[in-house]
PDB file of N, CA and C in Angstrom:
ATOM      1  N   ALA A   1       0.830  14.906 -11.081  1.00  0.00           N
ATOM      2  CA  ALA A   1       0.425  14.668  -9.422  1.00  0.00           C
ATOM      3  C   ALA A   1       1.280  13.883  -8.740  1.00  0.00           C
ATOM      4  N   LEU A   2       1.798  12.677  -9.218  1.00  0.00           N
ATOM      5  CA  LEU A   2       2.759  12.034  -8.386  1.00  0.00           C
ATOM      6  C   LEU A   2       4.150  12.537  -7.918  1.00  0.00           C
ATOM      7  N   ALA A   3       4.349  13.587  -8.766  1.00  0.00           N
ATOM      8  CA  ALA A   3       5.677  14.451  -8.231  1.00  0.00           C
ATOM      9  C   ALA A   3       5.687  14.614  -6.970  1.00  0.00           C
ATOM     10  N   GLY A   4       6.963  14.364  -6.247  1.00  0.00           N
ATOM     11  CA  GLY A   4       6.757  14.889  -4.793  1.00  0.00           C
ATOM     12  C   GLY A   4       6.414  13.766  -3.585  1.00  0.00           C
ATOM     13  N   LEU A   5       6.031  12.505  -4.322  1.00  0.00           N
ATOM     14  CA  LEU A   5       5.582  11.546  -3.385  1.00  0.00           C
ATOM     15  C   LEU A   5       6.452  10.328  -3.396  1.00  0.00           C
ATOM     16  N   GLU A   6       7.845  10.635  -3.839  1.00  0.00           N
ATOM     17  CA  GLU A   6       8.691   9.497  -4.000  1.00  0.00           C
ATOM     18  C   GLU A   6       9.085   8.939  -2.657  1.00  0.00           C
ATOM     19  N   LYS A   7       9.080   9.474  -1.631  1.00  0.00           N
ATOM     20  CA  LYS A   7       9.480   8.998  -0.184  1.00  0.00           C
ATOM     21  C   LYS A   7       8.429   8.121   0.227  1.00  0.00           C
ATOM     22  N   TYR A   8       7.142   8.036  -0.450  1.00  0.00           N
ATOM     23  CA  TYR A   8       5.938   7.311   0.129  1.00  0.00           C
ATOM     24  C   TYR A   8       5.854   5.907  -0.989  1.00  0.00           C
ATOM     25  N   HIS A   9       6.590   5.681  -2.053  1.00  0.00           N
ATOM     26  CA  HIS A   9       6.456   4.651  -2.774  1.00  0.00           C
ATOM     27  C   HIS A   9       7.864   4.302  -3.037  1.00  0.00           C
ATOM     28  N   LEU A  10       7.957   2.987  -3.641  1.00  0.00           N
ATOM     29  CA  LEU A  10       9.167   2.386  -4.179  1.00  0.00           C
ATOM     30  C   LEU A  10       9.540   2.312  -5.728  1.00  0.00           C
ATOM     31  N   TRP A  11       8.636   2.746  -6.417  1.00  0.00           N
ATOM     32  CA  TRP A  11       8.678   2.802  -7.757  1.00  0.00           C
ATOM     33  C   TRP A  11       9.588   3.840  -8.461  1.00  0.00           C
ATOM     34  N   SER A  12      10.315   3.854  -9.393  1.00  0.00           N
ATOM     35  CA  SER A  12      11.230   4.739 -10.030  1.00  0.00           C
ATOM     36  C   SER A  12      10.179   5.548 -10.812  1.00  0.00           C
ATOM     37  N   PRO A  13      10.985   6.713 -11.150  1.00  0.00           N
ATOM     38  CA  PRO A  13      10.062   7.686 -11.987  1.00  0.00           C
ATOM     39  C   PRO A  13       9.707   6.990 -13.493  1.00  0.00           C
ATOM     40  N   GLU A  14      10.671   6.368 -13.889  1.00  0.00           N
ATOM     41  CA  GLU A  14      10.487   5.659 -15.095  1.00  0.00           C
ATOM     42  C   GLU A  14       9.340   4.577 -15.157  1.00  0.00           C
ATOM     43  N   PHE A  15       9.290   3.836 -13.985  1.00  0.00           N
ATOM     44  CA  PHE A  15       8.175   2.809 -13.715  1.00  0.00           C
ATOM     45  C   PHE A  15       6.770   3.564 -13.736  1.00  0.00           C
ATOM     46  N   LEU A  16       6.697   4.444 -12.949  1.00  0.00           N
ATOM     47  CA  LEU A  16       5.514   5.467 -12.792  1.00  0.00           C
ATOM     48  C   LEU A  16       5.198   5.931 -14.286  1.00  0.00           C
ATOM     49  N   GLU A  17       5.873   6.520 -14.981  1.00  0.00           N
ATOM     50  CA  GLU A  17       5.653   6.975 -16.311  1.00  0.00           C
ATOM     51  C   GLU A  17       5.126   5.965 -17.074  1.00  0.00           C
ATOM     52  N   GLN A  18       5.806   4.755 -17.128  1.00  0.00           N
ATOM     53  CA  GLN A  18       5.314   3.477 -17.955  1.00  0.00           C
ATOM     54  C   GLN A  18       3.821   3.097 -17.759  1.00  0.00           C
ATOM     55  N   ARG A  19       3.608   3.141 -16.434  1.00  0.00           N
ATOM     56  CA  ARG A  19       2.443   2.602 -15.658  1.00  0.00           C
ATOM     57  C   ARG A  19       1.351   3.682 -16.168  1.00  0.00           C
ATOM     58  N   VAL A  20       1.421   4.836 -16.010  1.00  0.00           N
ATOM     59  CA  VAL A  20       0.670   5.776 -16.336  1.00  0.00           C
ATOM     60  C   VAL A  20       0.175   5.809 -17.798  1.00  0.00           C
ATOM     61  N   ARG A  21       1.222   5.499 -18.733  1.00  0.00           N
ATOM     62  CA  ARG A  21       0.919   5.472 -20.099  1.00  0.00           C
ATOM     63  C   ARG A  21       0.292   4.200 -20.458  1.00  0.00           C
ATOM     64  N   TYR A  22       0.236   3.101 -19.661  1.00  0.00           N
ATOM     65  CA  TYR A  22      -0.022   1.658 -19.878  1.00  0.00           C
ATOM     66  C   TYR A  22      -1.540   1.648 -20.679  1.00  0.00           C
ATOM     67  N   LYS A  23      -2.410   2.254 -19.727  1.00  0.00           N
ATOM     68  CA  LYS A  23      -3.774   2.414 -19.993  1.00  0.00           C
ATOM     69  C   LYS A  23      -4.243   3.874 -19.628  1.00  0.00           C
ATOM     70  N   PRO A  24      -4.185   4.565 -20.431  1.00  0.00           N
ATOM     71  CA  PRO A  24      -4.501   6.086 -19.994  1.00  0.00           C
ATOM     72  C   PRO A  24      -5.880   6.212 -19.738  1.00  0.00           C
ATOM     73  N   GLU A  25      -6.817   5.193 -20.066  1.00  0.00           N
ATOM     74  CA  GLU A  25      -8.320   5.279 -19.695  1.00  0.00           C
ATOM     75  C   GLU A  25      -8.670   4.733 -18.462  1.00  0.00           C
ATOM     76  N   LEU A  26      -7.717   4.090 -17.845  1.00  0.00           N
ATOM     77  CA  LEU A  26      -7.809   3.470 -16.401  1.00  0.00           C
ATOM     78  C   LEU A  26      -6.698   4.383 -15.564  1.00  0.00           C
ATOM     79  N   PRO A  27      -6.997   5.501 -15.184  1.00  0.00           N
ATOM     80  CA  PRO A  27      -5.857   6.329 -14.540  1.00  0.00           C
ATOM     81  C   PRO A  27      -5.351   5.748 -13.215  1.00  0.00           C
ATOM     82  N   THR A  28      -3.968   6.042 -12.955  1.00  0.00           N
ATOM     83  CA  THR A  28      -3.323   5.618 -11.878  1.00  0.00           C
ATOM     84  C   THR A  28      -4.034   5.998 -10.540  1.00  0.00           C
ATOM     85  N   GLN A  29      -4.095   5.297  -9.482  1.00  0.00           N
ATOM     86  CA  GLN A  29      -4.658   5.646  -8.516  1.00  0.00           C
ATOM     87  C   GLN A  29      -3.713   5.714  -7.193  1.00  0.00           C
ATOM     88  N   VAL A  30      -3.977   6.349  -6.386  1.00  0.00           N
ATOM     89  CA  VAL A  30      -3.181   6.502  -5.006  1.00  0.00           C
ATOM     90  C   VAL A  30      -4.128   5.854  -4.133  1.00  0.00           C
ATOM     91  N   LEU A  31      -3.464   5.012  -3.349  1.00  0.00           N
ATOM     92  CA  LEU A  31      -3.975   4.392  -2.142  1.00  0.00           C
ATOM     93  C   LEU A  31      -3.161   4.447  -0.924  1.00  0.00           C
ATOM     94  N   VAL A  32      -3.545   4.988   0.207  1.00  0.00           N
ATOM     95  CA  VAL A  32      -2.759   5.239   1.504  1.00  0.00           C
ATOM     96  C   VAL A  32      -3.417   4.181   2.549  1.00  0.00           C
ATOM     97  N   LEU A  33      -2.103   3.302   2.891  1.00  0.00           N
ATOM     98  CA  LEU A  33      -2.366   2.112   3.624  1.00  0.00           C
ATOM     99  C   LEU A  33      -1.685   2.511   5.179  1.00  0.00           C
ATOM    100  N   ARG A  34      -2.407   2.232   5.993  1.00  0.00           N
ATOM    101  CA  ARG A  34      -1.755   2.199   7.428  1.00  0.00           C
ATOM    102  C   ARG A  34      -1.330   0.869   7.899  1.00  0.00           C
ATOM    103  N   ALA A  35      -0.111   0.806   8.144  1.00  0.00           N
ATOM    104  CA  ALA A  35       0.521  -0.684   8.461  1.00  0.00           C
ATOM    105  C   ALA A  35       0.476  -0.715  10.019  1.00  0.00           C
ATOM    106  N   TYR A  36       0.101  -1.936  10.557  1.00  0.00           N
ATOM    107  CA  TYR A  36       0.146  -2.313  11.938  1.00  0.00           C
ATOM    108  C   TYR A  36       1.035  -3.427  12.292  1.00  0.00           C
ATOM    109  N   ARG A  37       1.762  -3.116  13.338  1.00  0.00           N
ATOM    110  CA  ARG A  37       2.605  -4.207  13.943  1.00  0.00           C
ATOM    111  C   ARG A  37       1.773  -5.210  14.687  1.00  0.00           C
ATOM    112  N   ILE A  38       1.905  -6.431  14.466  1.00  0.00           N
ATOM    113  CA  ILE A  38       1.053  -7.576  15.353  1.00  0.00           C
ATOM    114  C   ILE A  38       2.030  -8.216  16.101  1.00  0.00           C
ATOM    115  N   PRO A  39       1.326  -8.636  17.212  1.00  0.00           N
ATOM    116  CA  PRO A  39       2.284  -9.157  18.327  1.00  0.00           C
ATOM    117  C   PRO A  39       3.175 -10.409  17.848  1.00  0.00           C
ATOM    118  N   LYS A  40       2.781 -11.166  17.112  1.00  0.00           N
ATOM    119  CA  LYS A  40       3.485 -12.422  16.670  1.00  0.00           C
ATOM    120  C   LYS A  40       3.302 -12.551  15.103  1.00  0.00           C
ATOM    121  N   PRO A  41       4.347 -13.253  14.431  1.00  0.00           N
ATOM    122  CA  PRO A  41       4.124 -13.462  13.120  1.00  0.00           C
ATOM    123  C   PRO A  41       3.112 -14.397  12.834  1.00  0.00           C
ATOM    124  N   VAL A  42       2.529 -14.384  11.514  1.00  0.00           N
ATOM    125  CA  VAL A  42       1.406 -15.221  11.187  1.00  0.00           C
ATOM    126  C   VAL A  42       1.936 -16.022  10.055  1.00  0.00           C
ATOM    127  N   LEU A  43       1.856 -17.271  10.020  1.00  0.00           N
ATOM    128  CA  LEU A  43       2.226 -18.112   9.081  1.00  0.00           C
ATOM    129  C   LEU A  43       1.122 -18.326   8.183  1.00  0.00           C
ATOM    130  N   HIS A  44       0.875 -18.161   6.894  1.00  0.00           N
ATOM    131  CA  HIS A  44      -0.301 -18.324   6.176  1.00  0.00           C
ATOM    132  C   HIS A  44       0.130 -19.217   5.121  1.00  0.00           C
ATOM    133  N   PRO A  45      -0.497 -20.328   4.644  1.00  0.00           N
ATOM    134  CA  PRO A  45      -0.211 -21.205   3.542  1.00  0.00           C
ATOM    135  C   PRO A  45      -0.487 -20.389   2.244  1.00  0.00           C
ATOM    136  N   VAL A  46       0.341 -20.772   1.330  1.00  0.00           N
ATOM    137  CA  VAL A  46       0.391 -20.306   0.010  1.00  0.00           C
ATOM    138  C   VAL A  46      -0.774 -21.233  -0.688  1.00  0.00           C
ATOM    139  N   ARG A  47      -1.814 -20.582  -1.393  1.00  0.00           N
ATOM    140  CA  ARG A  47      -2.793 -21.266  -2.024  1.00  0.00           C
ATOM    141  C   ARG A  47      -2.663 -21.140  -3.449  1.00  0.00           C
ATOM    142  N   PRO A  48      -3.312 -22.064  -4.422  1.00  0.00           N
ATOM    143  CA  PRO A  48      -3.261 -21.900  -5.709  1.00  0.00           C
ATOM    144  C   PRO A  48      -3.865 -20.786  -6.409  1.00  0.00           C
ATOM    145  N   GLU A  49      -4.979 -20.244  -5.793  1.00  0.00           N
ATOM    146  CA  GLU A  49      -5.791 -19.052  -5.892  1.00  0.00           C
ATOM    147  C   GLU A  49      -5.093 -17.735  -5.788  1.00  0.00           C
ATOM    148  N   TYR A  50      -3.850 -17.786  -5.124  1.00  0.00           N
ATOM    149  CA  TYR A  50      -3.327 -16.552  -4.801  1.00  0.00           C
ATOM    150  C   TYR A  50      -2.137 -16.564  -5.864  1.00  0.00           C
ATOM    151  N   ALA A  51      -1.819 -17.268  -6.805  1.00  0.00           N
ATOM    152  CA  ALA A  51      -0.979 -17.237  -7.795  1.00  0.00           C
ATOM    153  C   ALA A  51      -1.409 -16.393  -8.908  1.00  0.00           C
ATOM    154  N   GLY A  52      -0.361 -15.709  -9.848  1.00  0.00           N
ATOM    155  CA  GLY A  52      -0.913 -15.106 -10.844  1.00  0.00           C
ATOM    156  C   GLY A  52      -0.536 -13.585 -10.529  1.00  0.00           C
ATOM    157  N   CYS A  53      -0.751 -12.787 -11.519  1.00  0.00           N
ATOM    158  CA  CYS A  53      -0.588 -11.453 -11.501  1.00  0.00           C
ATOM    159  C   CYS A  53      -1.875 -10.657 -10.766  1.00  0.00           C
ATOM    160  N   LYS A  54      -1.751 -10.445  -9.359  1.00  0.00           N
ATOM    161  CA  LYS A  54      -2.932 -10.081  -8.618  1.00  0.00           C
ATOM    162  C   LYS A  54      -2.369  -8.792  -7.809  1.00  0.00           C
ATOM    163  N   SER A  55      -3.129  -7.685  -7.523  1.00  0.00           N
ATOM    164  CA  SER A  55      -2.619  -6.624  -6.678  1.00  0.00           C
ATOM    165  C   SER A  55      -3.106  -7.133  -5.320  1.00  0.00           C
ATOM    166  N   TRP A  56      -4.277  -7.827  -5.076  1.00  0.00           N
ATOM    167  CA  TRP A  56      -4.752  -8.148  -3.734  1.00  0.00           C
ATOM    168  C   TRP A  56      -5.342  -9.520  -3.933  1.00  0.00           C
ATOM    169  N   VAL A  57      -5.363 -10.095  -2.620  1.00  0.00           N
ATOM    170  CA  VAL A  57      -5.852 -11.578  -2.830  1.00  0.00           C
ATOM    171  C   VAL A  57      -6.630 -11.567  -1.376  1.00  0.00           C
ATOM    172  N   GLU A  58      -7.896 -12.125  -1.359  1.00  0.00           N
ATOM    173  CA  GLU A  58      -8.642 -12.419  -0.115  1.00  0.00           C
ATOM    174  C   GLU A  58      -8.039 -13.664   0.674  1.00  0.00           C
ATOM    175  N   LEU A  59      -7.523 -13.314   1.785  1.00  0.00           N
ATOM    176  CA  LEU A  59      -7.036 -14.492   2.597  1.00  0.00           C
ATOM    177  C   LEU A  59      -8.150 -15.415   2.979  1.00  0.00           C
ATOM    178  N   SER A  60      -7.984 -16.635   3.227  1.00  0.00           N
ATOM    179  CA  SER A  60      -9.005 -17.577   3.484  1.00  0.00           C
ATOM    180  C   SER A  60      -9.110 -17.762   5.099  1.00  0.00           C
ATOM    181  N   GLU A  61      -8.197 -17.196   5.814  1.00  0.00           N
ATOM    182  CA  GLU A  61      -8.332 -17.183   7.246  1.00  0.00           C
ATOM    183  C   GLU A  61      -7.980 -15.574   7.769  1.00  0.00           C
ATOM    184  N   GLU A  62      -8.748 -15.282   8.816  1.00  0.00           N
ATOM    185  CA  GLU A  62      -8.609 -13.983   9.405  1.00  0.00           C
ATOM    186  C   GLU A  62      -7.107 -13.737  10.120  1.00  0.00           C
ATOM    187  N   ILE A  63      -6.557 -12.504  10.258  1.00  0.00           N
ATOM    188  CA  ILE A  63      -5.457 -12.592  11.120  1.00  0.00           C
ATOM    189  C   ILE A  63      -5.800 -11.889  12.538  1.00  0.00           C
ATOM    190  N   ALA A  64      -5.562 -12.462  13.522  1.00  0.00           N
ATOM    191  CA  ALA A  64      -5.916 -11.675  14.955  1.00  0.00           C
ATOM    192  C   ALA A  64      -5.259 -10.268  14.920  1.00  0.00           C
ATOM    193  N   MET A  65      -5.981  -9.232  15.163  1.00  0.00           N
ATOM    194  CA  MET A  65      -5.205  -7.945  15.331  1.00  0.00           C
ATOM    195  C   MET A  65      -5.103  -7.652  16.698  1.00  0.00           C
ATOM    196  N   LYS A  66      -5.613  -8.374  17.846  1.00  0.00           N
ATOM    197  CA  LYS A  66      -5.562  -7.895  19.194  1.00  0.00           C
ATOM    198  C   LYS A  66      -4.143  -7.707  19.458  1.00  0.00           C
ATOM    199  N   GLY A  67      -3.977  -6.454  19.934  1.00  0.00           N
ATOM    200  CA  GLY A  67      -2.749  -6.202  20.326  1.00  0.00           C
ATOM    201  C   GLY A  67      -1.740  -5.371  19.294  1.00  0.00           C
ATOM    202  N   ALA A  68      -2.426  -5.126  18.286  1.00  0.00           N
ATOM    203  CA  ALA A  68      -1.489  -4.448  17.054  1.00  0.00           C
ATOM    204  C   ALA A  68      -1.605  -3.214  17.183  1.00  0.00           C
ATOM    205  N   GLU A  69      -0.289  -2.626  16.871  1.00  0.00           N
ATOM    206  CA  GLU A  69      -0.180  -1.093  17.284  1.00  0.00           C
ATOM    207  C   GLU A  69       0.115  -0.558  15.843  1.00  0.00           C
ATOM    208  N   PRO A  70      -0.085   0.637  15.485  1.00  0.00           N
ATOM    209  CA  PRO A  70       0.210   1.319  14.153  1.00  0.00           C
ATOM    210  C   PRO A  70       1.837   1.506  14.155  1.00  0.00           C
ATOM    211  N   VAL A  71       2.200   1.401  12.947  1.00  0.00           N
ATOM    212  CA  VAL A  71       3.848   1.484  12.730  1.00  0.00           C
ATOM    213  C   VAL A  71       4.270   2.852  12.875  1.00  0.00           C
ATOM    214  N   LEU A  72       3.247   3.799  12.502  1.00  0.00           N
ATOM    215  CA  LEU A  72       3.546   5.253  12.548  1.00  0.00           C
ATOM    216  C   LEU A  72       2.573   5.694  13.690  1.00  0.00           C
ATOM    217  N   GLU A  73       3.250   6.651  14.567  1.00  0.00           N
ATOM    218  CA  GLU A  73       2.321   7.153  15.488  1.00  0.00           C
ATOM    219  C   GLU A  73       1.228   8.256  14.750  1.00  0.00           C
ATOM    220  N   ASN A  74       0.114   8.353  15.565  1.00  0.00           N
ATOM    221  CA  ASN A  74      -0.854   9.253  14.725  1.00  0.00           C
ATOM    222  C   ASN A  74      -0.382  10.489  14.207  1.00  0.00           C
ATOM    223  N   ARG A  75       0.519  11.292  15.109  1.00  0.00           N
ATOM    224  CA  ARG A  75       0.790  12.575  14.477  1.00  0.00           C
ATOM    225  C   ARG A  75       1.537  12.436  13.164  1.00  0.00           C
ATOM    226  N   ARG A  76       2.626  11.443  13.150  1.00  0.00           N
ATOM    227  CA  ARG A  76       3.326  11.129  11.920  1.00  0.00           C
ATOM    228  C   ARG A  76       2.447  10.711  10.707  1.00  0.00           C
ATOM    229  N   PHE A  77       1.639   9.827  11.119  1.00  0.00           N
ATOM    230  CA  PHE A  77       0.704   9.355  10.033  1.00  0.00           C
ATOM    231  C   PHE A  77      -0.358  10.588   9.502  1.00  0.00           C
ATOM    232  N   ILE A  78      -0.760  11.230  10.337  1.00  0.00           N
ATOM    233  CA  ILE A  78      -1.692  12.337   9.883  1.00  0.00           C
ATOM    234  C   ILE A  78      -0.673  13.591   8.940  1.00  0.00           C
ATOM    235  N   ALA A  79       0.467  13.764   9.515  1.00  0.00           N
ATOM    236  CA  ALA A  79       1.183  14.546   8.667  1.00  0.00           C
ATOM    237  C   ALA A  79       1.483  13.848   7.269  1.00  0.00           C
ATOM    238  N   ALA A  80       1.691  12.612   7.212  1.00  0.00           N
ATOM    239  CA  ALA A  80       2.117  11.942   5.732  1.00  0.00           C
ATOM    240  C   ALA A  80       0.802  12.250   5.027  1.00  0.00           C
ATOM    241  N   LEU A  81      -0.287  11.759   5.512  1.00  0.00           N
ATOM    242  CA  LEU A  81      -1.586  11.697   4.980  1.00  0.00           C
ATOM    243  C   LEU A  81      -1.722  13.158   4.352  1.00  0.00           C
ATOM    244  N   GLU A  82      -1.599  14.430   5.073  1.00  0.00           N
ATOM    245  CA  GLU A  82      -1.841  15.583   4.608  1.00  0.00           C
ATOM    246  C   GLU A  82      -0.752  16.003   3.646  1.00  0.00           C
ATOM    247  N   GLU A  83       0.462  15.564   3.666  1.00  0.00           N
ATOM    248  CA  GLU A  83       1.367  15.944   2.704  1.00  0.00           C
ATOM    249  C   GLU A  83       0.803  15.335   1.161  1.00  0.00           C
ATOM    250  N   ILE A  84       0.508  14.055   1.230  1.00  0.00           N
ATOM    251  CA  ILE A  84       0.164  13.255   0.261  1.00  0.00           C
ATOM    252  C   ILE A  84      -1.122  13.824  -0.362  1.00  0.00           C
ATOM    253  N   SER A  85      -1.872  14.295   0.319  1.00  0.00           N
ATOM    254  CA  SER A  85      -3.225  15.077  -0.118  1.00  0.00           C
ATOM    255  C   SER A  85      -2.869  16.231  -0.804  1.00  0.00           C
ATOM    256  N   SER A  86      -1.896  17.158  -0.231  1.00  0.00           N
ATOM    257  CA  SER A  86      -1.565  18.368  -0.655  1.00  0.00           C
ATOM    258  C   SER A  86      -1.120  18.225  -1.985  1.00  0.00           C
ATOM    259  N   LYS A  87      -0.390  17.113  -2.315  1.00  0.00           N
ATOM    260  CA  LYS A  87       0.325  16.836  -3.667  1.00  0.00           C
ATOM    261  C   LYS A  87      -0.641  16.334  -4.681  1.00  0.00           C
ATOM    262  N   LEU A  88      -1.755  16.096  -4.289  1.00  0.00           N
ATOM    263  CA  LEU A  88      -2.660  15.545  -5.286  1.00  0.00           C
ATOM    264  C   LEU A  88      -3.782  16.481  -5.582  1.00  0.00           C
TER     265      LEU A  88
END
């Protein structure tokens, strides 16, 4: 099901194969994220609780999103979402 999605992720086919076989009882999932460009960079301290092998961390401080704009315009994002959905 992941074939044809190469332009939407950075992993090699070999890595994906390894990941899928790692824990077959826990299927690999696809998550679509929409990135936004914020008006100015945010510096966030590195905290000990962020260390280790983690996919996600909860930030201790919120990032202001006022003035943020989507990196992809709506038309391009919707087209990408439709293509991804059609291949799954």
